[in-house]
Amino acid sequence: MSTFDWTTFVTRVPVNAPEEKLYWCWATREGMEYWFLRLSEYKKPDGSLRAGNEFVQKGDSYRWRWHGWPDEVTEEGTILECNGKDFFKFTFGKAGICSVSIKQEEGLCVVELLQENIPDDEEGRHYWHAGCKTGWTFYLANLKSLLEGGIDLRNKNEKLKNVINS
């Protein structure tokens, strides 16, 4: 019997939306705040902020904050790769590296997120494998919900705790 690989996972969702819109959702401040975050800042290597609709570039840094969480919960990282079309890769703190691919399958766009380099220890297994996979599954469902039906599923109440949508 093979052992389970706690260092990586993939989660995917088909979305009835144009590839360009899906890429915008990942690679701009406005896009990330549309479906995922309450604050998304992208900075150029010189430290200046990118405009809301300006696409990120390789080497940019980010700062992210989620709905339902206080300002102390902030993620910072670096954009490792982005091609302006269908691929976006970034560091994700202690949780490893995430790669987002937008693929055409059966007439639909499929958003695929690969998270890898997750530490294979108790903390990594609990918080970053199980926790991140649960989180990404919800947020990809929210991306689909917003783009296909306009309903935002995120919890935006910081006082409401232990719910799947924040």
N, C-alpha and C. Protein backbone atom coordinates (compact mmCIF):
# COMPACT_ATOMS: atom_id res chain seq x y z
N MET A 1 0.84 -1.18 0.00
CA MET A 1 0.00 0.00 0.00
C MET A 1 0.89 1.25 0.00
N SER A 2 0.56 2.21 -0.85
CA SER A 2 1.35 3.44 -0.89
C SER A 2 0.93 4.37 0.24
N THR A 3 1.85 5.22 0.64
CA THR A 3 1.54 6.17 1.71
C THR A 3 0.94 7.43 1.11
N PHE A 4 0.14 8.11 1.90
CA PHE A 4 -0.50 9.34 1.46
C PHE A 4 0.52 10.46 1.38
N ASP A 5 0.45 11.27 0.34
CA ASP A 5 1.37 12.39 0.17
C ASP A 5 0.77 13.65 0.79
N TRP A 6 1.25 14.01 1.96
CA TRP A 6 0.77 15.18 2.69
C TRP A 6 1.41 16.47 2.18
N THR A 7 2.34 16.39 1.25
CA THR A 7 3.09 17.57 0.81
C THR A 7 2.44 18.29 -0.36
N THR A 8 1.34 17.74 -0.88
CA THR A 8 0.72 18.34 -2.07
C THR A 8 -0.75 17.96 -2.16
N PHE A 9 -1.52 18.78 -2.84
CA PHE A 9 -2.89 18.43 -3.21
C PHE A 9 -3.30 19.27 -4.42
N VAL A 10 -4.35 18.80 -5.08
CA VAL A 10 -4.94 19.52 -6.22
C VAL A 10 -6.43 19.63 -5.96
N THR A 11 -7.00 20.78 -6.27
CA THR A 11 -8.45 20.96 -6.25
C THR A 11 -8.83 21.70 -7.53
N ARG A 12 -9.97 21.30 -8.11
CA ARG A 12 -10.38 21.82 -9.42
C ARG A 12 -11.87 22.17 -9.42
N VAL A 13 -12.21 23.15 -10.24
CA VAL A 13 -13.62 23.49 -10.42
C VAL A 13 -13.84 23.96 -11.86
N PRO A 14 -14.91 23.46 -12.52
CA PRO A 14 -15.26 24.00 -13.83
C PRO A 14 -16.05 25.29 -13.63
N VAL A 15 -15.76 26.29 -14.44
CA VAL A 15 -16.44 27.58 -14.32
C VAL A 15 -16.86 28.03 -15.72
N ASN A 16 -18.12 28.34 -15.87
CA ASN A 16 -18.64 28.82 -17.14
C ASN A 16 -18.36 30.32 -17.24
N ALA A 17 -17.12 30.64 -17.57
CA ALA A 17 -16.68 32.04 -17.69
C ALA A 17 -15.49 32.06 -18.64
N PRO A 18 -15.23 33.19 -19.26
CA PRO A 18 -14.09 33.29 -20.17
C PRO A 18 -12.76 33.20 -19.42
N GLU A 19 -11.79 32.62 -20.10
CA GLU A 19 -10.44 32.50 -19.54
C GLU A 19 -9.90 33.85 -19.07
N GLU A 20 -10.15 34.90 -19.84
CA GLU A 20 -9.64 36.23 -19.50
C GLU A 20 -10.21 36.72 -18.17
N LYS A 21 -11.49 36.45 -17.93
CA LYS A 21 -12.13 36.86 -16.67
C LYS A 21 -11.55 36.07 -15.50
N LEU A 22 -11.33 34.79 -15.70
CA LEU A 22 -10.76 33.96 -14.64
C LEU A 22 -9.34 34.40 -14.29
N TYR A 23 -8.56 34.73 -15.29
CA TYR A 23 -7.20 35.19 -15.02
C TYR A 23 -7.24 36.53 -14.28
N TRP A 24 -8.13 37.43 -14.67
CA TRP A 24 -8.31 38.72 -13.99
C TRP A 24 -8.63 38.48 -12.51
N CYS A 25 -9.43 37.45 -12.23
CA CYS A 25 -9.81 37.15 -10.84
C CYS A 25 -8.61 36.83 -9.97
N TRP A 26 -7.55 36.30 -10.54
CA TRP A 26 -6.35 35.94 -9.78
C TRP A 26 -5.28 37.01 -9.82
N ALA A 27 -5.14 37.69 -10.91
CA ALA A 27 -3.94 38.49 -11.16
C ALA A 27 -4.13 39.99 -11.02
N THR A 28 -5.24 40.43 -10.41
CA THR A 28 -5.45 41.85 -10.12
C THR A 28 -6.01 42.00 -8.71
N ARG A 29 -5.79 43.17 -8.13
CA ARG A 29 -6.37 43.46 -6.81
C ARG A 29 -7.88 43.38 -6.88
N GLU A 30 -8.48 44.04 -7.87
CA GLU A 30 -9.94 44.04 -7.97
C GLU A 30 -10.48 42.63 -8.17
N GLY A 31 -9.79 41.83 -8.95
CA GLY A 31 -10.23 40.46 -9.17
C GLY A 31 -10.20 39.63 -7.90
N MET A 32 -9.11 39.71 -7.15
CA MET A 32 -9.00 38.92 -5.91
C MET A 32 -10.03 39.36 -4.87
N GLU A 33 -10.31 40.65 -4.80
CA GLU A 33 -11.29 41.14 -3.84
C GLU A 33 -12.72 40.81 -4.28
N TYR A 34 -12.92 40.54 -5.54
CA TYR A 34 -14.24 40.19 -6.07
C TYR A 34 -14.74 38.87 -5.50
N TRP A 35 -13.87 37.88 -5.37
CA TRP A 35 -14.31 36.53 -5.00
C TRP A 35 -13.61 35.93 -3.79
N PHE A 36 -12.47 36.51 -3.37
CA PHE A 36 -11.62 35.82 -2.41
C PHE A 36 -11.33 36.63 -1.16
N LEU A 37 -10.84 37.84 -1.30
CA LEU A 37 -10.26 38.59 -0.19
C LEU A 37 -11.00 39.89 0.08
N ARG A 38 -10.82 40.40 1.31
CA ARG A 38 -11.32 41.75 1.59
C ARG A 38 -10.25 42.79 1.28
N LEU A 39 -8.98 42.36 1.28
CA LEU A 39 -7.87 43.25 0.91
C LEU A 39 -6.85 42.45 0.12
N SER A 40 -6.50 42.97 -1.03
CA SER A 40 -5.44 42.38 -1.84
C SER A 40 -4.58 43.53 -2.34
N GLU A 41 -3.34 43.53 -1.94
CA GLU A 41 -2.40 44.54 -2.43
C GLU A 41 -1.28 43.85 -3.16
N TYR A 42 -1.00 44.31 -4.35
CA TYR A 42 0.14 43.82 -5.11
C TYR A 42 1.13 44.97 -5.23
N LYS A 43 2.39 44.68 -4.91
CA LYS A 43 3.44 45.70 -5.01
C LYS A 43 4.47 45.29 -6.03
N LYS A 44 4.91 46.29 -6.79
CA LYS A 44 6.00 46.09 -7.74
C LYS A 44 7.31 45.94 -6.96
N PRO A 45 8.35 45.42 -7.60
CA PRO A 45 9.64 45.29 -6.91
C PRO A 45 10.18 46.60 -6.33
N ASP A 46 9.78 47.75 -6.90
CA ASP A 46 10.23 49.03 -6.37
C ASP A 46 9.42 49.49 -5.15
N GLY A 47 8.41 48.69 -4.74
CA GLY A 47 7.61 49.01 -3.56
C GLY A 47 6.33 49.77 -3.85
N SER A 48 6.12 50.22 -5.07
CA SER A 48 4.90 50.95 -5.39
C SER A 48 3.75 49.97 -5.62
N LEU A 49 2.55 50.39 -5.22
CA LEU A 49 1.35 49.56 -5.36
C LEU A 49 0.89 49.51 -6.81
N ARG A 50 0.46 48.35 -7.23
CA ARG A 50 -0.18 48.23 -8.54
C ARG A 50 -1.61 48.77 -8.42
N ALA A 51 -2.10 49.35 -9.50
CA ALA A 51 -3.47 49.84 -9.55
C ALA A 51 -4.44 48.66 -9.46
N GLY A 52 -5.67 48.93 -9.11
CA GLY A 52 -6.66 47.89 -8.87
C GLY A 52 -6.88 46.92 -10.00
N ASN A 53 -6.82 47.40 -11.22
CA ASN A 53 -7.07 46.56 -12.38
C ASN A 53 -5.79 46.20 -13.13
N GLU A 54 -4.65 46.56 -12.57
CA GLU A 54 -3.35 46.30 -13.21
C GLU A 54 -2.91 44.86 -12.92
N PHE A 55 -2.50 44.16 -13.95
CA PHE A 55 -2.06 42.78 -13.78
C PHE A 55 -0.71 42.72 -13.07
N VAL A 56 -0.59 41.73 -12.18
CA VAL A 56 0.66 41.50 -11.47
C VAL A 56 1.72 40.99 -12.44
N GLN A 57 2.95 41.07 -11.99
CA GLN A 57 4.09 40.58 -12.77
C GLN A 57 4.94 39.69 -11.87
N LYS A 58 5.70 38.83 -12.49
CA LYS A 58 6.64 37.98 -11.77
C LYS A 58 7.54 38.88 -10.91
N GLY A 59 7.74 38.50 -9.66
CA GLY A 59 8.57 39.27 -8.74
C GLY A 59 7.80 40.25 -7.89
N ASP A 60 6.52 40.49 -8.20
CA ASP A 60 5.69 41.34 -7.35
C ASP A 60 5.47 40.64 -6.01
N SER A 61 5.18 41.44 -4.99
CA SER A 61 4.81 40.88 -3.69
C SER A 61 3.34 41.16 -3.45
N TYR A 62 2.76 40.44 -2.50
CA TYR A 62 1.36 40.66 -2.17
C TYR A 62 1.16 40.71 -0.67
N ARG A 63 0.02 41.29 -0.28
CA ARG A 63 -0.48 41.26 1.09
C ARG A 63 -1.97 41.01 0.99
N TRP A 64 -2.44 39.98 1.68
CA TRP A 64 -3.84 39.58 1.60
C TRP A 64 -4.46 39.52 2.99
N ARG A 65 -5.75 39.91 3.05
CA ARG A 65 -6.56 39.77 4.27
C ARG A 65 -7.93 39.24 3.87
N TRP A 66 -8.47 38.37 4.72
CA TRP A 66 -9.73 37.70 4.44
C TRP A 66 -10.90 38.33 5.18
N HIS A 67 -12.09 38.22 4.58
CA HIS A 67 -13.32 38.55 5.30
C HIS A 67 -13.46 37.59 6.47
N GLY A 68 -14.06 38.07 7.56
CA GLY A 68 -14.31 37.22 8.70
C GLY A 68 -13.10 37.07 9.62
N TRP A 69 -11.99 37.72 9.30
CA TRP A 69 -10.77 37.62 10.11
C TRP A 69 -10.25 39.02 10.41
N PRO A 70 -9.65 39.22 11.58
CA PRO A 70 -9.10 40.54 11.92
C PRO A 70 -7.85 40.85 11.09
N ASP A 71 -7.43 42.10 11.12
CA ASP A 71 -6.27 42.55 10.35
C ASP A 71 -4.99 41.81 10.71
N GLU A 72 -4.93 41.25 11.90
CA GLU A 72 -3.72 40.53 12.32
C GLU A 72 -3.50 39.26 11.48
N VAL A 73 -4.56 38.77 10.86
CA VAL A 73 -4.45 37.59 10.00
C VAL A 73 -4.17 38.09 8.58
N THR A 74 -2.91 38.13 8.25
CA THR A 74 -2.44 38.66 6.97
C THR A 74 -1.48 37.66 6.35
N GLU A 75 -1.59 37.47 5.06
CA GLU A 75 -0.65 36.61 4.33
C GLU A 75 0.17 37.50 3.40
N GLU A 76 1.47 37.29 3.40
CA GLU A 76 2.35 38.03 2.50
C GLU A 76 3.19 37.03 1.73
N GLY A 77 3.45 37.35 0.48
CA GLY A 77 4.23 36.44 -0.34
C GLY A 77 4.68 37.08 -1.63
N THR A 78 5.11 36.24 -2.54
CA THR A 78 5.71 36.68 -3.80
C THR A 78 5.07 35.96 -4.97
N ILE A 79 4.90 36.69 -6.06
CA ILE A 79 4.43 36.09 -7.30
C ILE A 79 5.65 35.48 -7.99
N LEU A 80 5.60 34.17 -8.17
CA LEU A 80 6.74 33.45 -8.75
C LEU A 80 6.67 33.38 -10.27
N GLU A 81 5.46 33.23 -10.80
CA GLU A 81 5.26 33.17 -12.24
C GLU A 81 3.85 33.64 -12.56
N CYS A 82 3.70 34.23 -13.72
CA CYS A 82 2.37 34.59 -14.24
C CYS A 82 2.55 34.87 -15.72
N ASN A 83 1.64 34.38 -16.53
CA ASN A 83 1.84 34.52 -17.98
C ASN A 83 0.84 35.45 -18.66
N GLY A 84 -0.02 36.11 -17.88
CA GLY A 84 -0.97 37.04 -18.46
C GLY A 84 -2.16 36.39 -19.13
N LYS A 85 -2.27 35.05 -19.00
CA LYS A 85 -3.33 34.35 -19.70
C LYS A 85 -3.99 33.23 -18.88
N ASP A 86 -3.19 32.24 -18.45
CA ASP A 86 -3.80 31.06 -17.85
C ASP A 86 -2.95 30.37 -16.78
N PHE A 87 -1.93 31.06 -16.25
CA PHE A 87 -1.09 30.45 -15.23
C PHE A 87 -0.63 31.51 -14.24
N PHE A 88 -0.71 31.16 -12.94
CA PHE A 88 -0.41 32.09 -11.86
C PHE A 88 0.18 31.28 -10.71
N LYS A 89 1.40 31.62 -10.25
CA LYS A 89 2.08 30.85 -9.22
C LYS A 89 2.61 31.79 -8.14
N PHE A 90 2.43 31.40 -6.86
CA PHE A 90 2.82 32.29 -5.77
C PHE A 90 3.23 31.49 -4.54
N THR A 91 4.08 32.11 -3.71
CA THR A 91 4.41 31.53 -2.42
C THR A 91 3.19 31.70 -1.52
N PHE A 92 3.04 30.79 -0.56
CA PHE A 92 1.89 30.86 0.34
C PHE A 92 2.33 30.60 1.77
N GLY A 93 3.22 31.46 2.24
CA GLY A 93 3.72 31.38 3.61
C GLY A 93 4.33 30.02 3.92
N LYS A 94 4.09 29.54 5.14
CA LYS A 94 4.60 28.23 5.56
C LYS A 94 3.87 27.09 4.86
N ALA A 95 2.77 27.41 4.18
CA ALA A 95 1.93 26.38 3.55
C ALA A 95 2.45 25.92 2.20
N GLY A 96 3.53 26.49 1.69
CA GLY A 96 4.11 26.02 0.45
C GLY A 96 3.95 26.97 -0.71
N ILE A 97 3.75 26.41 -1.88
CA ILE A 97 3.65 27.15 -3.13
C ILE A 97 2.35 26.74 -3.82
N CYS A 98 1.63 27.71 -4.36
CA CYS A 98 0.39 27.44 -5.08
C CYS A 98 0.56 27.82 -6.55
N SER A 99 0.04 26.96 -7.41
CA SER A 99 0.00 27.20 -8.85
C SER A 99 -1.44 27.10 -9.31
N VAL A 100 -1.89 28.08 -10.06
CA VAL A 100 -3.24 28.09 -10.60
C VAL A 100 -3.14 28.00 -12.11
N SER A 101 -3.82 27.00 -12.66
CA SER A 101 -3.87 26.82 -14.11
C SER A 101 -5.32 26.91 -14.56
N ILE A 102 -5.54 27.59 -15.66
CA ILE A 102 -6.87 27.69 -16.26
C ILE A 102 -6.81 26.88 -17.54
N LYS A 103 -7.61 25.81 -17.59
CA LYS A 103 -7.54 24.85 -18.69
C LYS A 103 -8.89 24.75 -19.39
N GLN A 104 -8.86 24.41 -20.65
CA GLN A 104 -10.08 24.15 -21.41
C GLN A 104 -10.35 22.64 -21.38
N GLU A 105 -11.52 22.25 -20.89
CA GLU A 105 -11.93 20.85 -20.87
C GLU A 105 -13.42 20.76 -21.15
N GLU A 106 -13.78 19.96 -22.12
CA GLU A 106 -15.19 19.70 -22.44
C GLU A 106 -15.99 20.99 -22.64
N GLY A 107 -15.36 21.98 -23.27
CA GLY A 107 -16.05 23.23 -23.58
C GLY A 107 -16.16 24.20 -22.42
N LEU A 108 -15.52 23.90 -21.29
CA LEU A 108 -15.55 24.79 -20.14
C LEU A 108 -14.12 25.13 -19.71
N CYS A 109 -14.00 26.20 -18.97
CA CYS A 109 -12.74 26.51 -18.32
C CYS A 109 -12.73 25.76 -16.98
N VAL A 110 -11.62 25.13 -16.69
CA VAL A 110 -11.43 24.47 -15.41
C VAL A 110 -10.30 25.20 -14.69
N VAL A 111 -10.58 25.66 -13.47
CA VAL A 111 -9.56 26.29 -12.64
C VAL A 111 -8.99 25.18 -11.76
N GLU A 112 -7.68 24.98 -11.89
CA GLU A 112 -7.00 23.94 -11.12
C GLU A 112 -5.96 24.59 -10.22
N LEU A 113 -6.04 24.30 -8.93
CA LEU A 113 -5.08 24.82 -7.98
C LEU A 113 -4.26 23.67 -7.42
N LEU A 114 -2.95 23.78 -7.57
CA LEU A 114 -2.00 22.83 -7.00
C LEU A 114 -1.28 23.52 -5.86
N GLN A 115 -1.32 22.93 -4.68
CA GLN A 115 -0.52 23.43 -3.57
C GLN A 115 0.52 22.37 -3.25
N GLU A 116 1.79 22.77 -3.23
CA GLU A 116 2.88 21.82 -3.02
C GLU A 116 3.91 22.39 -2.06
N ASN A 117 4.87 21.56 -1.72
CA ASN A 117 5.91 21.94 -0.74
C ASN A 117 5.31 22.19 0.64
N ILE A 118 4.22 21.50 0.96
CA ILE A 118 3.60 21.59 2.28
C ILE A 118 4.47 20.77 3.24
N PRO A 119 4.84 21.33 4.38
CA PRO A 119 5.65 20.56 5.34
C PRO A 119 4.93 19.28 5.77
N ASP A 120 5.65 18.17 5.77
CA ASP A 120 5.07 16.89 6.17
C ASP A 120 5.35 16.64 7.65
N ASP A 121 4.68 17.43 8.48
CA ASP A 121 4.71 17.24 9.93
C ASP A 121 3.29 17.45 10.43
N GLU A 122 3.07 17.33 11.71
CA GLU A 122 1.71 17.43 12.26
C GLU A 122 1.06 18.77 11.91
N GLU A 123 1.80 19.85 12.08
CA GLU A 123 1.27 21.17 11.76
C GLU A 123 0.94 21.28 10.27
N GLY A 124 1.85 20.83 9.42
CA GLY A 124 1.63 20.88 7.98
C GLY A 124 0.43 20.06 7.55
N ARG A 125 0.29 18.88 8.09
CA ARG A 125 -0.83 18.02 7.73
C ARG A 125 -2.17 18.63 8.15
N HIS A 126 -2.22 19.15 9.37
CA HIS A 126 -3.47 19.69 9.90
C HIS A 126 -3.83 21.05 9.28
N TYR A 127 -2.92 22.01 9.40
CA TYR A 127 -3.25 23.38 8.99
C TYR A 127 -3.14 23.62 7.49
N TRP A 128 -2.11 23.06 6.88
CA TRP A 128 -1.85 23.45 5.49
C TRP A 128 -2.28 22.43 4.47
N HIS A 129 -2.34 21.18 4.82
CA HIS A 129 -2.90 20.23 3.86
C HIS A 129 -4.42 20.20 4.02
N ALA A 130 -4.89 19.75 5.17
CA ALA A 130 -6.34 19.66 5.39
C ALA A 130 -6.99 21.04 5.41
N GLY A 131 -6.38 21.97 6.14
CA GLY A 131 -6.98 23.31 6.26
C GLY A 131 -7.01 24.07 4.95
N CYS A 132 -5.90 24.10 4.25
CA CYS A 132 -5.86 24.84 2.98
C CYS A 132 -6.73 24.17 1.92
N LYS A 133 -6.73 22.84 1.87
CA LYS A 133 -7.57 22.18 0.87
C LYS A 133 -9.04 22.51 1.10
N THR A 134 -9.46 22.52 2.37
CA THR A 134 -10.83 22.90 2.69
C THR A 134 -11.09 24.35 2.28
N GLY A 135 -10.17 25.24 2.62
CA GLY A 135 -10.33 26.65 2.27
C GLY A 135 -10.38 26.89 0.78
N TRP A 136 -9.42 26.32 0.04
CA TRP A 136 -9.40 26.51 -1.41
C TRP A 136 -10.64 25.92 -2.07
N THR A 137 -11.14 24.79 -1.56
CA THR A 137 -12.35 24.20 -2.13
C THR A 137 -13.52 25.16 -1.97
N PHE A 138 -13.65 25.75 -0.79
CA PHE A 138 -14.72 26.74 -0.60
C PHE A 138 -14.54 27.93 -1.53
N TYR A 139 -13.34 28.52 -1.55
CA TYR A 139 -13.16 29.74 -2.33
C TYR A 139 -13.30 29.51 -3.83
N LEU A 140 -12.89 28.34 -4.32
CA LEU A 140 -13.12 28.04 -5.74
C LEU A 140 -14.61 27.89 -6.02
N ALA A 141 -15.36 27.33 -5.07
CA ALA A 141 -16.81 27.26 -5.22
C ALA A 141 -17.41 28.67 -5.23
N ASN A 142 -16.85 29.56 -4.41
CA ASN A 142 -17.34 30.94 -4.39
C ASN A 142 -17.02 31.66 -5.71
N LEU A 143 -15.85 31.40 -6.26
CA LEU A 143 -15.50 31.96 -7.57
C LEU A 143 -16.54 31.53 -8.60
N LYS A 144 -16.86 30.26 -8.63
CA LYS A 144 -17.87 29.74 -9.56
C LYS A 144 -19.23 30.38 -9.28
N SER A 145 -19.62 30.46 -8.03
CA SER A 145 -20.91 31.03 -7.66
C SER A 145 -21.04 32.48 -8.13
N LEU A 146 -20.01 33.27 -7.88
CA LEU A 146 -20.07 34.68 -8.28
C LEU A 146 -20.08 34.85 -9.79
N LEU A 147 -19.24 34.11 -10.50
CA LEU A 147 -19.16 34.28 -11.94
C LEU A 147 -20.36 33.71 -12.69
N GLU A 148 -20.95 32.66 -12.14
CA GLU A 148 -22.07 32.03 -12.84
C GLU A 148 -23.43 32.51 -12.34
N GLY A 149 -23.51 32.98 -11.09
CA GLY A 149 -24.82 33.34 -10.57
C GLY A 149 -24.88 34.64 -9.80
N GLY A 150 -23.72 35.22 -9.48
CA GLY A 150 -23.69 36.49 -8.79
C GLY A 150 -23.88 36.42 -7.29
N ILE A 151 -23.85 35.22 -6.69
CA ILE A 151 -24.06 35.10 -5.25
C ILE A 151 -22.71 34.92 -4.56
N ASP A 152 -22.43 35.82 -3.61
CA ASP A 152 -21.19 35.78 -2.83
C ASP A 152 -21.45 34.97 -1.57
N LEU A 153 -20.74 33.87 -1.41
CA LEU A 153 -20.94 32.96 -0.29
C LEU A 153 -20.06 33.25 0.92
N ARG A 154 -19.23 34.26 0.85
CA ARG A 154 -18.28 34.52 1.95
C ARG A 154 -18.97 35.07 3.19
N ASN A 155 -18.46 34.66 4.36
CA ASN A 155 -18.87 35.25 5.62
C ASN A 155 -18.07 36.54 5.80
N LYS A 156 -18.74 37.65 5.96
CA LYS A 156 -18.05 38.93 6.11
C LYS A 156 -18.16 39.47 7.54
N ASN A 157 -18.66 38.65 8.46
CA ASN A 157 -18.83 39.05 9.85
C ASN A 157 -17.69 38.47 10.68
N GLU A 158 -16.79 39.33 11.12
CA GLU A 158 -15.62 38.91 11.90
C GLU A 158 -16.01 38.25 13.22
N LYS A 159 -17.20 38.57 13.74
CA LYS A 159 -17.62 38.01 15.03
C LYS A 159 -18.19 36.60 14.91
N LEU A 160 -18.55 36.19 13.70
CA LEU A 160 -19.09 34.86 13.47
C LEU A 160 -17.92 33.91 13.21
N LYS A 161 -17.70 32.97 14.12
CA LYS A 161 -16.52 32.09 14.08
C LYS A 161 -16.90 30.65 13.72
N ASN A 162 -15.86 29.90 13.35
CA ASN A 162 -15.98 28.45 13.09
C ASN A 162 -17.00 28.12 12.02
N VAL A 163 -16.95 28.87 10.92
CA VAL A 163 -17.81 28.60 9.76
C VAL A 163 -16.89 28.33 8.57
N ILE A 164 -17.39 27.59 7.59
CA ILE A 164 -16.55 27.19 6.47
C ILE A 164 -16.26 28.33 5.48
N ASN A 165 -17.01 29.40 5.57
CA ASN A 165 -16.89 30.43 4.55
C ASN A 165 -16.12 31.67 5.00
N SER A 166 -15.18 31.51 5.90
CA SER A 166 -14.23 32.59 6.23
C SER A 166 -13.01 31.99 6.89
